């Protein structure tokens, strides 16, 4: 996959979409959202949407790997941010 950036708004949102071989086969759109809560805290949310004709064949693997990867990334990011 060679993802293309769809949205880049500093301190707000970063979004990209990639395709396996060609659009419609297996597409993934990854979204990072940052919200300033106005009280000195920030909420970070990431999500991913999959589309394409191969999604049903890979759904369990995509769900497991995506959740595992999100949790690991979120843990590491939290550690780095709070260490500063």
N, C-alpha and C. Protein backbone atom coordinates (compact mmCIF):
# COMPACT_ATOMS: atom_id res chain seq x y z
N UNK A 1 0.84 -1.19 0.00
CA UNK A 1 0.00 0.00 0.00
C UNK A 1 0.87 1.24 0.00
N UNK A 2 0.49 2.20 -0.79
CA UNK A 2 1.13 3.51 -0.80
C UNK A 2 0.03 4.52 -0.50
N UNK A 3 -0.16 4.84 0.79
CA UNK A 3 -1.27 5.71 1.14
C UNK A 3 -1.09 7.14 0.66
N UNK A 4 -2.22 7.78 0.43
CA UNK A 4 -2.24 9.20 0.07
C UNK A 4 -2.92 9.98 1.17
N UNK A 5 -2.36 11.13 1.49
CA UNK A 5 -2.92 11.98 2.55
C UNK A 5 -4.21 12.64 2.05
N UNK A 6 -5.27 12.52 2.84
CA UNK A 6 -6.56 13.13 2.52
C UNK A 6 -6.77 14.44 3.26
N UNK A 7 -6.36 14.46 4.55
CA UNK A 7 -6.54 15.65 5.40
C UNK A 7 -5.31 15.80 6.28
N UNK A 8 -4.81 17.03 6.35
CA UNK A 8 -3.76 17.34 7.32
C UNK A 8 -4.06 18.71 7.90
N UNK A 9 -4.58 18.73 9.11
CA UNK A 9 -4.86 19.96 9.85
C UNK A 9 -4.05 19.88 11.13
N UNK A 10 -2.92 20.62 11.23
CA UNK A 10 -2.08 20.53 12.43
C UNK A 10 -2.89 20.69 13.71
N UNK A 11 -2.59 19.85 14.68
CA UNK A 11 -3.23 19.85 15.99
C UNK A 11 -4.72 19.51 15.95
N UNK A 12 -5.20 18.96 14.82
CA UNK A 12 -6.62 18.60 14.72
C UNK A 12 -6.85 17.24 14.09
N UNK A 13 -6.38 17.07 12.85
CA UNK A 13 -6.70 15.83 12.15
C UNK A 13 -5.62 15.48 11.12
N UNK A 14 -5.37 14.18 11.02
CA UNK A 14 -4.50 13.62 9.99
C UNK A 14 -5.19 12.37 9.48
N UNK A 15 -5.39 12.30 8.16
CA UNK A 15 -6.15 11.19 7.58
C UNK A 15 -5.50 10.77 6.26
N UNK A 16 -5.38 9.45 6.07
CA UNK A 16 -4.87 8.96 4.80
C UNK A 16 -5.64 7.74 4.36
N UNK A 17 -5.53 7.43 3.07
CA UNK A 17 -6.18 6.24 2.52
C UNK A 17 -5.18 5.49 1.65
N UNK A 18 -5.19 4.18 1.79
CA UNK A 18 -4.33 3.33 0.97
C UNK A 18 -5.15 2.23 0.35
N UNK A 19 -4.62 1.66 -0.72
CA UNK A 19 -5.30 0.60 -1.46
C UNK A 19 -4.34 -0.57 -1.66
N UNK A 20 -4.86 -1.76 -1.59
CA UNK A 20 -4.09 -2.95 -1.94
C UNK A 20 -4.22 -3.14 -3.44
N UNK A 21 -3.14 -2.97 -4.13
CA UNK A 21 -3.04 -3.08 -5.59
C UNK A 21 -3.82 -2.00 -6.33
N UNK A 22 -5.15 -1.95 -6.16
CA UNK A 22 -5.95 -0.93 -6.83
C UNK A 22 -7.21 -0.66 -6.01
N UNK A 23 -7.79 0.55 -6.14
CA UNK A 23 -8.98 0.90 -5.36
C UNK A 23 -10.12 -0.09 -5.57
N UNK A 24 -10.78 -0.40 -4.45
CA UNK A 24 -11.95 -1.29 -4.48
C UNK A 24 -11.64 -2.73 -4.11
N UNK A 25 -10.37 -3.08 -4.11
CA UNK A 25 -9.98 -4.44 -3.74
C UNK A 25 -9.92 -4.55 -2.22
N UNK A 26 -9.07 -3.74 -1.60
CA UNK A 26 -8.97 -3.63 -0.14
C UNK A 26 -8.44 -2.24 0.15
N UNK A 27 -9.32 -1.37 0.60
CA UNK A 27 -8.98 0.02 0.88
C UNK A 27 -9.02 0.25 2.38
N UNK A 28 -8.07 1.01 2.88
CA UNK A 28 -8.04 1.36 4.30
C UNK A 28 -7.87 2.85 4.47
N UNK A 29 -8.74 3.44 5.27
CA UNK A 29 -8.63 4.87 5.59
C UNK A 29 -8.36 5.00 7.08
N UNK A 30 -7.22 5.60 7.41
CA UNK A 30 -6.79 5.75 8.80
C UNK A 30 -6.96 7.20 9.22
N UNK A 31 -7.51 7.40 10.41
CA UNK A 31 -7.84 8.75 10.89
C UNK A 31 -7.28 8.96 12.28
N UNK A 32 -6.56 10.06 12.45
CA UNK A 32 -6.09 10.52 13.76
C UNK A 32 -6.80 11.84 14.04
N UNK A 33 -7.45 11.95 15.20
CA UNK A 33 -8.13 13.20 15.58
C UNK A 33 -7.62 13.64 16.95
N UNK A 34 -7.35 14.93 17.08
CA UNK A 34 -6.88 15.51 18.34
C UNK A 34 -7.85 16.61 18.74
N UNK A 35 -8.33 16.54 19.98
CA UNK A 35 -9.27 17.53 20.49
C UNK A 35 -8.70 18.17 21.75
N UNK A 36 -8.60 19.48 21.73
CA UNK A 36 -8.22 20.24 22.92
C UNK A 36 -9.46 20.35 23.80
N UNK A 37 -9.40 19.77 24.99
CA UNK A 37 -10.57 19.77 25.87
C UNK A 37 -10.78 21.08 26.61
N UNK A 38 -9.85 22.03 26.44
CA UNK A 38 -10.00 23.35 27.05
C UNK A 38 -9.70 23.39 28.53
N UNK A 39 -9.22 22.29 29.10
CA UNK A 39 -8.93 22.25 30.53
C UNK A 39 -7.50 21.75 30.79
N UNK A 40 -6.64 21.89 29.76
CA UNK A 40 -5.27 21.42 29.90
C UNK A 40 -5.07 19.97 29.50
N UNK A 41 -6.14 19.32 29.06
CA UNK A 41 -6.03 17.94 28.59
C UNK A 41 -6.38 17.87 27.11
N UNK A 42 -5.98 16.78 26.52
CA UNK A 42 -6.23 16.55 25.10
C UNK A 42 -6.79 15.14 24.92
N UNK A 43 -7.73 15.01 24.00
CA UNK A 43 -8.25 13.70 23.64
C UNK A 43 -7.72 13.32 22.27
N UNK A 44 -7.14 12.13 22.20
CA UNK A 44 -6.62 11.59 20.94
C UNK A 44 -7.49 10.40 20.54
N UNK A 45 -7.92 10.38 19.30
CA UNK A 45 -8.74 9.27 18.82
C UNK A 45 -8.19 8.84 17.46
N UNK A 46 -8.06 7.54 17.29
CA UNK A 46 -7.70 7.02 15.98
C UNK A 46 -8.69 5.95 15.58
N UNK A 47 -8.91 5.85 14.29
CA UNK A 47 -9.83 4.85 13.77
C UNK A 47 -9.39 4.46 12.36
N UNK A 48 -9.93 3.38 11.90
CA UNK A 48 -9.64 2.92 10.55
C UNK A 48 -10.89 2.30 9.96
N UNK A 49 -11.14 2.62 8.71
CA UNK A 49 -12.28 2.06 7.99
C UNK A 49 -11.74 1.25 6.83
N UNK A 50 -12.25 0.05 6.66
CA UNK A 50 -11.86 -0.79 5.54
C UNK A 50 -13.03 -0.98 4.60
N UNK A 51 -12.75 -0.93 3.31
CA UNK A 51 -13.74 -1.16 2.27
C UNK A 51 -13.11 -1.99 1.17
N UNK A 52 -13.94 -2.59 0.35
CA UNK A 52 -13.45 -3.35 -0.80
C UNK A 52 -13.94 -4.78 -0.79
N UNK A 53 -13.79 -5.42 -1.93
CA UNK A 53 -14.35 -6.76 -2.08
C UNK A 53 -13.62 -7.82 -1.25
N UNK A 54 -12.39 -7.56 -0.83
CA UNK A 54 -11.65 -8.53 -0.02
C UNK A 54 -11.89 -8.40 1.48
N UNK A 55 -12.57 -7.35 1.91
CA UNK A 55 -12.78 -7.13 3.35
C UNK A 55 -13.42 -8.33 4.03
N UNK A 56 -14.47 -8.94 3.50
CA UNK A 56 -15.07 -10.09 4.19
C UNK A 56 -14.08 -11.25 4.41
N UNK A 57 -13.16 -11.44 3.50
CA UNK A 57 -12.19 -12.53 3.62
C UNK A 57 -11.15 -12.26 4.72
N UNK A 58 -10.86 -10.99 4.96
CA UNK A 58 -9.81 -10.62 5.92
C UNK A 58 -10.34 -9.92 7.16
N UNK A 59 -11.66 -9.87 7.35
CA UNK A 59 -12.26 -9.08 8.43
C UNK A 59 -11.70 -9.42 9.81
N UNK A 60 -11.66 -10.68 10.17
CA UNK A 60 -11.16 -11.05 11.51
C UNK A 60 -9.71 -10.63 11.69
N UNK A 61 -8.89 -10.87 10.69
CA UNK A 61 -7.48 -10.49 10.77
C UNK A 61 -7.32 -8.98 10.85
N UNK A 62 -8.07 -8.24 10.02
CA UNK A 62 -8.00 -6.78 10.04
C UNK A 62 -8.44 -6.24 11.40
N UNK A 63 -9.54 -6.76 11.93
CA UNK A 63 -10.03 -6.30 13.23
C UNK A 63 -9.00 -6.57 14.32
N UNK A 64 -8.44 -7.78 14.37
CA UNK A 64 -7.48 -8.15 15.41
C UNK A 64 -6.20 -7.33 15.28
N UNK A 65 -5.62 -7.29 14.09
CA UNK A 65 -4.36 -6.56 13.91
C UNK A 65 -4.53 -5.06 14.11
N UNK A 66 -5.65 -4.51 13.67
CA UNK A 66 -5.89 -3.09 13.83
C UNK A 66 -6.01 -2.74 15.31
N UNK A 67 -6.81 -3.49 16.05
CA UNK A 67 -6.98 -3.23 17.48
C UNK A 67 -5.66 -3.39 18.23
N UNK A 68 -4.94 -4.44 17.93
CA UNK A 68 -3.64 -4.68 18.59
C UNK A 68 -2.67 -3.54 18.28
N UNK A 69 -2.59 -3.13 17.03
CA UNK A 69 -1.70 -2.04 16.64
C UNK A 69 -2.10 -0.72 17.27
N UNK A 70 -3.40 -0.41 17.29
CA UNK A 70 -3.88 0.83 17.92
C UNK A 70 -3.50 0.86 19.39
N UNK A 71 -3.76 -0.24 20.09
CA UNK A 71 -3.47 -0.28 21.53
C UNK A 71 -1.99 -0.09 21.81
N UNK A 72 -1.14 -0.74 21.04
CA UNK A 72 0.30 -0.59 21.22
C UNK A 72 0.76 0.83 20.93
N UNK A 73 0.30 1.38 19.83
CA UNK A 73 0.67 2.75 19.48
C UNK A 73 0.18 3.74 20.52
N UNK A 74 -1.05 3.59 20.96
CA UNK A 74 -1.61 4.51 21.95
C UNK A 74 -0.84 4.45 23.26
N UNK A 75 -0.47 3.26 23.68
CA UNK A 75 0.30 3.11 24.92
C UNK A 75 1.65 3.81 24.80
N UNK A 76 2.35 3.58 23.70
CA UNK A 76 3.67 4.18 23.50
C UNK A 76 3.57 5.71 23.38
N UNK A 77 2.56 6.18 22.67
CA UNK A 77 2.40 7.62 22.52
C UNK A 77 2.11 8.27 23.87
N UNK A 78 1.24 7.67 24.66
CA UNK A 78 0.91 8.21 25.98
C UNK A 78 2.16 8.28 26.86
N UNK A 79 2.97 7.22 26.82
CA UNK A 79 4.21 7.21 27.61
C UNK A 79 5.13 8.36 27.20
N UNK A 80 5.29 8.55 25.91
CA UNK A 80 6.19 9.61 25.41
C UNK A 80 5.67 11.01 25.74
N UNK A 81 4.39 11.22 25.54
CA UNK A 81 3.80 12.55 25.80
C UNK A 81 3.86 12.89 27.27
N UNK A 82 3.53 11.93 28.13
CA UNK A 82 3.51 12.20 29.56
C UNK A 82 4.91 12.28 30.16
N UNK A 83 5.92 11.80 29.47
CA UNK A 83 7.30 11.86 29.96
C UNK A 83 7.90 13.25 29.77
N UNK A 84 7.29 14.09 28.98
CA UNK A 84 7.82 15.43 28.70
C UNK A 84 7.43 16.44 29.74
